[in-house]
Amino acid sequence: MIRWGSLLVIFLTAACGGDKPATTSEVTCGLPAPSIGQFVAIPGGSFTKGDSPVYNEEAPSLALHVAPFALQAHEVTNDQFAAFVSATGYVTDAEKSAATGGPEAGSAVFDLPEGSAARIDPWRLVPGATWKTPTGPGSTIDGKDAWPVVHVSERDAAAYASWAGGRLPTEVEWEYAATRGLPDPDTSTSGAYDGNGHPVANTWQGIFPVANTQADGFAGAAPVGCFPPDKTGLYDMIGNVWEWTDTPYAAGSHTLKGGSYLCAENFCRRYRPAARQPQDTDFSSIHIGFRIAKDIPPSSE
């Protein structure tokens, strides 16, 4: 069940939401079809989890060793998820919620129309907001095969991962891979902005939520691979959409990583590898997606 409290938590702590995408005709970037679904082998090694913490939940800093694994180079796309649904008949938690009805039915949408003043809580639950209809009934993902799938709960993401022969990454694996990929290992925000302050990932530029300069070219989510890969060869580890991990955060919740396209300097500086966000396991939103991992035998490292 989706909870109104979760909406306010996201607004106050994550401040990453809604979708006001560019029209399909305006988008000329993204990975070519043959590159969709490829994995990057992440060698085993050591790193510092929680390095350069900004928020309390990112501490303490821990020296950890991580076994080798493989990570999909990009977030799972609408087209990939559609293949899963077609093959299995799977029904997402958001779809079940809409069918059940009631005051807590639906999935979370960030409702801040262009030119409007900021409201205390611009989030709303929209019955019928699903992975196929991201802003509610009447909306569509037609022409958006390469955009990251959203409105998926942790259970939905785990079900897809199992069907695809993989699993969700752990929080440690995700953070290790993102840390290895930083353009500047000494600057935790270098996955989002280069040394001159230019965006290299899909985040919010300006004062959230009242002004977005869209210097990165997007007001909403972008197709996977519109921004350069990191040093490891992974796309959109920082920004675009939050990503589920299979690591519990607390009872009834799991850990999100990476920030999203509305994380801003003034609010939700979670476009860093160490950043982490709790979210109800059965919750879904227009700014939460995922990618999958696969095991690699240690002998192949």
Protein backbone atom coordinates (compact mmCIF):
# COMPACT_ATOMS: atom_id res chain seq x y z
CA MET A 1 0.00 0.00 0.00
CA ILE A 2 1.28 3.45 -0.89
CA ARG A 3 1.28 5.92 1.98
CA TRP A 4 0.78 9.67 1.93
CA GLY A 5 3.57 10.00 4.50
CA SER A 6 5.96 8.60 1.96
CA LEU A 7 5.14 11.42 -0.43
CA LEU A 8 6.03 14.06 2.12
CA VAL A 9 9.21 12.23 3.11
CA ILE A 10 10.37 12.20 -0.50
CA PHE A 11 9.60 15.90 -0.93
CA LEU A 12 11.35 16.94 2.25
CA THR A 13 14.43 14.71 1.99
CA ALA A 14 14.81 13.66 -1.61
CA ALA A 15 13.14 16.50 -3.49
CA CYS A 16 13.38 14.49 -6.68
CA GLY A 17 10.19 13.86 -8.57
CA GLY A 18 7.83 14.46 -11.45
CA ASP A 19 8.17 14.15 -15.13
CA LYS A 20 7.88 16.92 -17.69
CA PRO A 21 9.73 15.17 -20.51
CA ALA A 22 10.91 16.63 -23.75
CA THR A 23 8.82 15.51 -26.70
CA THR A 24 10.08 12.45 -28.51
CA SER A 25 10.88 14.52 -31.57
CA GLU A 26 13.21 16.69 -29.49
CA VAL A 27 15.27 13.77 -28.16
CA THR A 28 18.16 12.67 -30.34
CA CYS A 29 20.33 11.00 -27.69
CA GLY A 30 20.47 7.64 -25.99
CA LEU A 31 22.00 4.23 -26.46
CA PRO A 32 21.50 2.47 -29.80
CA ALA A 33 19.30 -0.63 -29.68
CA PRO A 34 22.22 -3.12 -29.92
CA SER A 35 23.69 -1.65 -26.73
CA ILE A 36 20.52 -2.07 -24.67
CA GLY A 37 20.84 -4.86 -22.12
CA GLN A 38 24.62 -5.06 -22.04
CA PHE A 39 26.47 -5.61 -18.77
CA VAL A 40 29.72 -4.25 -17.41
CA ALA A 41 31.99 -6.53 -15.38
CA ILE A 42 32.95 -4.86 -12.11
CA PRO A 43 36.19 -6.32 -10.72
CA GLY A 44 36.44 -7.04 -7.03
CA GLY A 45 38.25 -4.57 -4.85
CA SER A 46 38.20 -2.34 -1.81
CA PHE A 47 36.64 1.09 -1.28
CA THR A 48 35.34 3.37 1.42
CA LYS A 49 31.57 3.19 1.79
CA GLY A 50 30.07 6.45 2.99
CA ASP A 51 33.07 8.47 1.86
CA SER A 52 32.68 12.25 2.28
CA PRO A 53 29.23 11.98 3.91
CA VAL A 54 26.87 14.94 3.59
CA TYR A 55 23.79 13.65 5.43
CA ASN A 56 23.75 11.76 8.73
CA GLU A 57 22.43 8.53 7.20
CA GLU A 58 25.54 8.26 4.99
CA ALA A 59 27.85 7.77 7.97
CA PRO A 60 29.89 6.01 9.22
CA SER A 61 32.60 5.64 6.61
CA LEU A 62 33.62 1.98 6.30
CA ALA A 63 36.50 0.28 4.48
CA LEU A 64 34.97 -2.69 2.63
CA HIS A 65 35.99 -5.32 0.10
CA VAL A 66 33.55 -6.22 -2.69
CA ALA A 67 33.56 -9.43 -4.72
CA PRO A 68 33.33 -9.14 -8.51
CA PHE A 69 29.92 -8.84 -10.13
CA ALA A 70 28.33 -7.54 -13.32
CA LEU A 71 25.98 -4.57 -13.55
CA GLN A 72 23.70 -3.63 -16.42
CA ALA A 73 25.27 -0.65 -18.12
CA HIS A 74 22.05 1.36 -17.92
CA GLU A 75 18.77 1.54 -16.04
CA VAL A 76 16.11 -0.98 -17.07
CA THR A 77 14.08 0.54 -19.89
CA ASN A 78 10.39 0.62 -20.68
CA ASP A 79 11.01 -1.74 -23.58
CA GLN A 80 12.85 -4.25 -21.39
CA PHE A 81 10.12 -4.16 -18.76
CA ALA A 82 7.42 -4.50 -21.42
CA ALA A 83 9.09 -7.71 -22.63
CA PHE A 84 8.94 -9.06 -19.06
CA VAL A 85 5.25 -8.19 -18.71
CA SER A 86 4.44 -9.69 -22.11
CA ALA A 87 6.21 -12.94 -21.26
CA THR A 88 4.83 -13.35 -17.73
CA GLY A 89 1.63 -11.33 -17.43
CA TYR A 90 3.13 -9.60 -14.40
CA VAL A 91 1.02 -6.91 -12.72
CA THR A 92 2.89 -4.20 -10.82
CA ASP A 93 2.06 -2.99 -7.34
CA ALA A 94 0.92 0.36 -8.76
CA GLU A 95 -1.52 -1.40 -11.08
CA LYS A 96 -2.84 -3.53 -8.22
CA SER A 97 -3.22 -0.43 -6.07
CA ALA A 98 -5.23 1.38 -8.75
CA ALA A 99 -7.50 -1.64 -9.13
CA THR A 100 -8.09 -1.84 -5.37
CA GLY A 101 -9.09 1.81 -5.06
CA GLY A 102 -9.46 3.78 -1.85
CA PRO A 103 -7.73 6.93 -0.54
CA GLU A 104 -4.24 5.43 -0.75
CA ALA A 105 -4.58 4.00 -4.25
CA GLY A 106 -2.18 5.01 -6.96
CA SER A 107 1.44 5.86 -7.51
CA ALA A 108 3.32 9.06 -6.76
CA VAL A 109 3.46 11.88 -9.30
CA PHE A 110 5.15 15.24 -8.79
CA ASP A 111 2.61 17.90 -9.77
CA LEU A 112 4.24 21.26 -10.36
CA PRO A 113 3.02 22.67 -13.67
CA GLU A 114 5.33 25.02 -15.52
CA GLY A 115 5.08 28.57 -14.23
CA SER A 116 3.31 27.63 -10.99
CA ALA A 117 4.47 28.71 -7.57
CA ALA A 118 5.94 26.08 -5.29
CA ARG A 119 3.47 24.40 -2.96
CA ILE A 120 4.19 22.84 0.41
CA ASP A 121 3.53 19.36 -0.97
CA PRO A 122 3.40 19.11 -4.77
CA TRP A 123 3.24 15.31 -4.63
CA ARG A 124 0.00 13.48 -5.26
CA LEU A 125 -1.11 9.88 -5.52
CA VAL A 126 -2.59 9.24 -8.94
CA PRO A 127 -4.72 6.12 -9.40
CA GLY A 128 -3.77 4.78 -12.80
CA ALA A 129 -0.25 6.22 -12.76
CA THR A 130 1.72 3.13 -13.79
CA TRP A 131 4.79 2.17 -15.77
CA LYS A 132 2.64 2.31 -18.92
CA THR A 133 0.84 5.54 -18.01
CA PRO A 134 3.43 7.52 -16.04
CA THR A 135 1.42 10.67 -15.32
CA GLY A 136 -1.92 8.93 -15.00
CA PRO A 137 -4.76 7.74 -17.22
CA GLY A 138 -4.41 9.03 -20.77
CA SER A 139 -0.62 9.33 -20.64
CA THR A 140 1.58 6.92 -22.53
CA ILE A 141 5.11 5.65 -23.05
CA ASP A 142 4.66 5.39 -26.80
CA GLY A 143 7.94 6.42 -28.43
CA LYS A 144 9.76 6.13 -25.10
CA ASP A 145 11.09 2.58 -25.33
CA ALA A 146 14.57 3.68 -24.20
CA TRP A 147 13.46 5.73 -21.17
CA PRO A 148 13.96 4.16 -17.73
CA VAL A 149 10.90 2.32 -16.47
CA VAL A 150 9.32 4.01 -13.43
CA HIS A 151 6.37 3.42 -11.09
CA VAL A 152 7.92 0.13 -10.02
CA SER A 153 8.18 -1.01 -6.43
CA GLU A 154 11.14 -2.93 -5.04
CA ARG A 155 9.12 -6.12 -5.44
CA ASP A 156 8.41 -5.30 -9.07
CA ALA A 157 12.09 -4.62 -9.71
CA ALA A 158 13.15 -7.85 -7.99
CA ALA A 159 10.60 -9.84 -10.02
CA TYR A 160 11.97 -8.43 -13.26
CA ALA A 161 15.54 -9.11 -12.19
CA SER A 162 14.79 -12.76 -11.43
CA TRP A 163 13.05 -13.22 -14.78
CA ALA A 164 16.01 -11.63 -16.57
CA GLY A 165 18.46 -14.00 -14.92
CA GLY A 166 19.86 -11.49 -12.48
CA ARG A 167 19.12 -9.75 -9.21
CA LEU A 168 19.01 -6.30 -7.74
CA PRO A 169 22.45 -5.03 -6.67
CA THR A 170 23.18 -4.61 -3.00
CA GLU A 171 23.68 -1.09 -1.74
CA VAL A 172 27.40 -1.82 -1.24
CA GLU A 173 27.79 -3.14 -4.78
CA TRP A 174 25.96 -0.16 -6.24
CA GLU A 175 28.00 2.36 -4.28
CA TYR A 176 31.26 0.57 -5.06
CA ALA A 177 30.53 0.65 -8.79
CA ALA A 178 29.49 4.31 -8.68
CA THR A 179 32.58 5.25 -6.68
CA ARG A 180 34.89 3.46 -9.14
CA GLY A 181 33.25 5.38 -11.96
CA LEU A 182 33.70 8.90 -10.61
CA PRO A 183 35.54 11.14 -13.10
CA ASP A 184 37.39 12.74 -10.18
CA PRO A 185 37.81 10.29 -7.28
CA ASP A 186 38.57 13.18 -4.91
CA THR A 187 35.29 15.00 -5.68
CA SER A 188 32.13 13.15 -4.67
CA THR A 189 29.91 15.32 -6.90
CA SER A 190 32.02 14.84 -10.04
CA GLY A 191 29.49 12.32 -11.34
CA ALA A 192 26.98 15.15 -11.60
CA TYR A 193 29.10 18.23 -12.45
CA ASP A 194 32.50 18.66 -14.02
CA GLY A 195 35.24 20.92 -12.67
CA ASN A 196 33.66 23.93 -14.38
CA GLY A 197 30.23 23.29 -12.89
CA HIS A 198 28.71 21.95 -16.11
CA PRO A 199 26.22 19.10 -15.67
CA VAL A 200 27.36 15.66 -16.78
CA ALA A 201 24.26 13.90 -15.46
CA ASN A 202 20.51 14.49 -15.40
CA THR A 203 19.83 16.55 -12.27
CA TRP A 204 18.07 19.83 -11.46
CA GLN A 205 19.96 23.05 -12.22
CA GLY A 206 18.59 26.09 -10.41
CA ILE A 207 16.56 26.61 -7.25
CA PHE A 208 14.32 23.65 -6.52
CA PRO A 209 11.40 23.68 -7.02
CA VAL A 210 10.84 27.17 -8.44
CA ALA A 211 13.42 27.52 -11.22
CA ASN A 212 15.07 24.94 -13.45
CA THR A 213 17.46 26.24 -16.09
CA GLN A 214 17.56 22.76 -17.69
CA ALA A 215 21.24 23.26 -18.45
CA ASP A 216 21.48 19.47 -18.79
CA GLY A 217 18.87 19.53 -21.56
CA PHE A 218 16.07 17.81 -19.66
CA ALA A 219 13.26 18.78 -17.32
CA GLY A 220 12.27 15.16 -16.77
CA ALA A 221 13.86 11.78 -17.23
CA ALA A 222 16.13 11.18 -20.20
CA PRO A 223 16.55 8.09 -22.36
CA VAL A 224 19.26 5.84 -20.98
CA GLY A 225 22.72 6.78 -22.20
CA CYS A 226 22.09 10.43 -23.06
CA PHE A 227 24.94 11.40 -20.74
CA PRO A 228 28.52 10.13 -21.00
CA PRO A 229 29.40 6.83 -19.31
CA ASP A 230 31.42 6.94 -16.14
CA LYS A 231 34.97 5.61 -15.91
CA THR A 232 33.66 2.09 -15.44
CA GLY A 233 31.42 2.25 -18.51
CA LEU A 234 28.11 2.66 -16.66
CA TYR A 235 25.45 5.17 -17.70
CA ASP A 236 23.23 7.30 -15.43
CA MET A 237 24.51 5.95 -12.14
CA ILE A 238 24.09 9.51 -10.93
CA GLY A 239 20.80 11.29 -11.62
CA ASN A 240 18.02 10.44 -14.08
CA VAL A 241 16.00 8.17 -11.74
CA TRP A 242 16.56 6.79 -8.27
CA GLU A 243 17.52 3.11 -8.30
CA TRP A 244 16.30 0.34 -6.02
CA THR A 245 18.79 -1.91 -4.27
CA ASP A 246 17.93 -5.13 -2.46
CA THR A 247 19.37 -3.79 0.80
CA PRO A 248 16.77 -3.15 3.53
CA TYR A 249 17.00 0.30 5.11
CA ALA A 250 14.62 -0.37 8.00
CA ALA A 251 11.54 -2.51 8.58
CA GLY A 252 9.34 -2.30 5.51
CA SER A 253 11.75 -0.19 3.48
CA HIS A 254 14.63 -0.60 1.05
CA THR A 255 17.55 1.61 0.06
CA LEU A 256 17.52 3.84 -3.02
CA LYS A 257 20.72 5.13 -4.60
CA GLY A 258 21.86 7.71 -7.11
CA GLY A 259 19.44 10.61 -6.87
CA SER A 260 17.16 11.66 -9.70
CA TYR A 261 16.57 14.35 -12.29
CA LEU A 262 15.22 16.82 -9.74
CA CYS A 263 17.95 16.60 -7.13
CA ALA A 264 19.34 20.12 -6.76
CA GLU A 265 22.20 21.89 -5.07
CA ASN A 266 19.81 23.65 -2.69
CA PHE A 267 17.69 20.61 -1.84
CA CYS A 268 18.54 16.89 -2.14
CA ARG A 269 22.27 16.88 -2.85
CA ARG A 270 22.04 13.15 -3.35
CA TYR A 271 23.80 13.01 -6.70
CA ARG A 272 26.79 11.30 -5.05
CA PRO A 273 27.75 7.62 -4.68
CA ALA A 274 27.46 7.72 -0.88
CA ALA A 275 23.96 9.21 -0.89
CA ARG A 276 21.18 6.87 0.22
CA GLN A 277 17.47 7.22 0.68
CA PRO A 278 14.93 4.95 2.43
CA GLN A 279 11.72 4.09 0.65
CA ASP A 280 8.78 1.85 1.49
CA THR A 281 9.30 -1.47 -0.27
CA ASP A 282 5.81 -1.39 -1.80
CA PHE A 283 6.04 2.25 -2.86
CA SER A 284 6.37 3.43 -6.45
CA SER A 285 6.93 6.82 -8.01
CA ILE A 286 7.52 8.62 -11.25
CA HIS A 287 11.19 9.09 -10.36
CA ILE A 288 12.20 5.61 -9.13
CA GLY A 289 13.60 2.91 -11.40
CA PHE A 290 16.35 0.29 -11.15
CA ARG A 291 19.09 -1.68 -12.88
CA ILE A 292 20.08 -5.30 -12.36
CA ALA A 293 23.23 -7.17 -11.36
CA LYS A 294 24.59 -10.64 -12.05
CA ASP A 295 27.08 -12.76 -10.15
CA ILE A 296 30.56 -13.39 -11.50
CA PRO A 297 32.54 -16.37 -10.15
CA PRO A 298 35.53 -15.09 -8.16
CA SER A 299 37.91 -17.15 -10.30
CA SER A 300 37.08 -15.02 -13.36
CA GLU A 301 38.15 -11.77 -11.70
